[in-house]
């Protein structure tokens, strides 16, 4: 009985040793396929100064105050956008002043405004947006609202 227990213990130890050796050899030889993901460049976030505009409602007594942050591909794009910021800011003010209160209060209206702002920024950079293009492949990934007040 003792010989049987000893034989099983030796067989188990030998099996564990063989598995560990195979794993070590595979790692040394590159035998295990390792998936490597290319490191992504973190995006750059560029906040714009808050914008205050009169809205296109009849009577002209409604206004919006909007804070926008641009999510850009990287710091290099952020520096380029900064160079064009006076043009971009003017374009965004014009976009906002054409909207009505009801447009800006709806989620769809805010989404449409974000798309329009993104197109304005891309246009200022000389890169008109392409329908269906992935935002990850564009220098302007997203337009984010940091504040949104309509009165």
Protein backbone atom coordinates (compact mmCIF):
# COMPACT_ATOMS: atom_id res chain seq x y z
CA UNK A 1 0.00 0.00 0.00
CA UNK A 2 2.82 2.39 0.89
CA UNK A 3 4.53 1.62 -2.42
CA UNK A 4 1.34 2.50 -4.31
CA UNK A 5 1.01 5.87 -2.53
CA UNK A 6 4.68 6.59 -3.24
CA UNK A 7 4.24 5.71 -6.93
CA UNK A 8 1.18 8.00 -7.27
CA UNK A 9 3.00 10.85 -5.49
CA UNK A 10 6.05 10.46 -7.78
CA UNK A 11 3.82 10.35 -10.86
CA UNK A 12 1.98 13.52 -9.77
CA UNK A 13 5.24 15.32 -9.02
CA UNK A 14 6.67 14.26 -12.37
CA UNK A 15 3.57 15.44 -14.20
CA UNK A 16 3.65 18.83 -12.45
CA UNK A 17 7.39 19.18 -13.22
CA UNK A 18 6.79 18.31 -16.90
CA UNK A 19 3.92 20.86 -17.20
CA UNK A 20 6.00 23.59 -15.57
CA UNK A 21 8.96 22.82 -17.86
CA UNK A 22 6.75 22.92 -20.97
CA UNK A 23 5.25 26.25 -19.92
CA UNK A 24 8.73 27.67 -19.26
CA UNK A 25 10.00 26.49 -22.65
CA UNK A 26 6.97 27.89 -24.41
CA UNK A 27 7.46 31.30 -22.82
CA UNK A 28 11.19 31.32 -23.62
CA UNK A 29 10.64 30.29 -27.24
CA UNK A 30 7.73 32.65 -27.76
CA UNK A 31 5.60 29.57 -28.33
CA UNK A 32 2.62 31.09 -26.55
CA UNK A 33 0.86 33.52 -28.79
CA UNK A 34 0.67 36.84 -27.04
CA UNK A 35 -1.75 39.45 -28.24
CA UNK A 36 -0.30 42.89 -28.03
CA UNK A 37 -2.42 45.94 -28.35
CA UNK A 38 -0.78 49.01 -29.76
CA UNK A 39 -0.73 51.69 -27.11
CA UNK A 40 -3.34 54.35 -27.79
CA UNK A 41 -2.40 57.96 -27.56
CA UNK A 42 -4.57 59.54 -24.90
CA UNK A 43 -6.89 62.21 -26.23
CA UNK A 44 -6.39 65.88 -25.44
CA UNK A 45 -9.27 67.85 -23.97
CA UNK A 46 -9.45 71.52 -24.90
CA UNK A 47 -12.05 73.61 -23.06
CA UNK A 48 -13.45 76.66 -24.80
CA UNK A 49 -14.50 79.77 -22.92
CA UNK A 50 -18.20 79.77 -22.04
CA UNK A 51 -20.37 81.12 -24.83
CA UNK A 52 -23.37 83.38 -24.20
CA UNK A 53 -25.77 84.13 -27.07
CA UNK A 54 -29.26 85.40 -27.69
CA UNK A 55 -31.39 82.65 -29.17
CA UNK A 56 -33.46 82.83 -32.35
CA UNK A 57 -36.78 82.80 -30.46
CA UNK A 58 -39.29 85.49 -31.38
CA UNK A 59 -39.01 88.42 -29.02
CA UNK A 60 -35.26 87.98 -28.56
CA UNK A 61 -35.44 87.68 -24.78
CA UNK A 62 -34.09 84.11 -24.51
CA UNK A 63 -30.41 83.30 -24.26
CA UNK A 64 -28.08 80.35 -23.78
CA UNK A 65 -24.83 79.97 -21.91
CA UNK A 66 -22.90 76.94 -23.12
CA UNK A 67 -19.57 75.50 -22.01
CA UNK A 68 -17.87 73.31 -24.59
CA UNK A 69 -14.84 71.03 -24.31
CA UNK A 70 -13.34 69.51 -27.44
CA UNK A 71 -11.99 65.96 -27.30
CA UNK A 72 -9.11 65.92 -29.76
CA UNK A 73 -6.86 63.17 -31.09
CA UNK A 74 -3.73 64.36 -29.27
CA UNK A 75 -1.82 67.37 -27.93
CA UNK A 76 -0.50 68.26 -31.39
CA UNK A 77 -4.07 68.64 -32.70
CA UNK A 78 -4.93 70.69 -29.59
CA UNK A 79 -2.16 73.16 -30.42
CA UNK A 80 -3.45 73.47 -33.98
CA UNK A 81 -7.02 74.02 -32.76
CA UNK A 82 -5.80 76.73 -30.37
CA UNK A 83 -4.34 78.59 -33.35
CA UNK A 84 -7.77 78.61 -35.01
CA UNK A 85 -9.79 79.24 -31.84
CA UNK A 86 -10.97 82.79 -32.73
CA UNK A 87 -12.45 81.45 -35.99
CA UNK A 88 -13.94 78.40 -34.26
CA UNK A 89 -15.44 80.46 -31.45
CA UNK A 90 -17.07 82.84 -33.94
CA UNK A 91 -18.52 79.95 -35.94
CA UNK A 92 -19.92 78.29 -32.83
CA UNK A 93 -21.49 81.56 -31.67
CA UNK A 94 -23.22 81.85 -35.04
CA UNK A 95 -24.44 78.25 -34.80
CA UNK A 96 -25.84 78.81 -31.32
CA UNK A 97 -27.55 82.09 -32.19
CA UNK A 98 -29.51 80.32 -34.96
CA UNK A 99 -31.06 77.84 -32.53
CA UNK A 100 -34.32 78.24 -30.64
CA UNK A 101 -35.02 77.39 -27.03
CA UNK A 102 -37.08 74.33 -27.96
CA UNK A 103 -34.24 73.00 -30.14
CA UNK A 104 -31.65 73.36 -27.38
CA UNK A 105 -33.83 71.90 -24.65
CA UNK A 106 -34.21 68.55 -26.43
CA UNK A 107 -31.57 65.83 -26.40
CA UNK A 108 -31.74 65.60 -30.19
CA UNK A 109 -31.12 69.35 -30.47
CA UNK A 110 -28.05 69.14 -28.25
CA UNK A 111 -26.75 66.16 -30.23
CA UNK A 112 -27.28 68.04 -33.48
CA UNK A 113 -25.48 71.09 -32.07
CA UNK A 114 -22.53 68.90 -31.02
CA UNK A 115 -22.33 67.42 -34.54
CA UNK A 116 -22.51 70.91 -36.08
CA UNK A 117 -19.79 72.23 -33.77
CA UNK A 118 -17.59 69.26 -34.65
CA UNK A 119 -18.07 69.99 -38.36
CA UNK A 120 -17.15 73.65 -37.77
CA UNK A 121 -13.94 72.65 -35.97
CA UNK A 122 -13.04 70.16 -38.69
CA UNK A 123 -13.74 72.82 -41.32
CA UNK A 124 -11.45 75.28 -39.54
CA UNK A 125 -8.74 72.62 -39.62
CA UNK A 126 -9.29 72.12 -43.35
CA UNK A 127 -10.75 68.65 -42.85
CA UNK A 128 -14.45 68.61 -43.69
CA UNK A 129 -16.23 65.76 -41.92
CA UNK A 130 -16.96 62.62 -43.89
CA UNK A 131 -20.32 61.01 -43.30
CA UNK A 132 -19.87 57.63 -41.66
CA UNK A 133 -16.21 58.26 -40.74
CA UNK A 134 -15.16 56.94 -37.35
CA UNK A 135 -14.57 59.61 -34.72
CA UNK A 136 -11.40 57.73 -33.66
CA UNK A 137 -9.89 58.38 -37.10
CA UNK A 138 -10.74 62.08 -36.97
CA UNK A 139 -8.67 64.77 -35.25
CA UNK A 140 -11.85 65.86 -33.44
CA UNK A 141 -13.23 62.88 -31.52
CA UNK A 142 -16.13 64.57 -29.75
CA UNK A 143 -17.76 67.79 -28.64
CA UNK A 144 -18.60 67.66 -24.94
CA UNK A 145 -20.84 70.08 -23.05
CA UNK A 146 -19.46 71.13 -19.68
CA UNK A 147 -22.40 73.45 -18.96
CA UNK A 148 -25.67 74.18 -20.72
CA UNK A 149 -28.04 76.89 -19.48
CA UNK A 150 -31.03 78.15 -21.47
CA UNK A 151 -33.11 81.02 -20.08
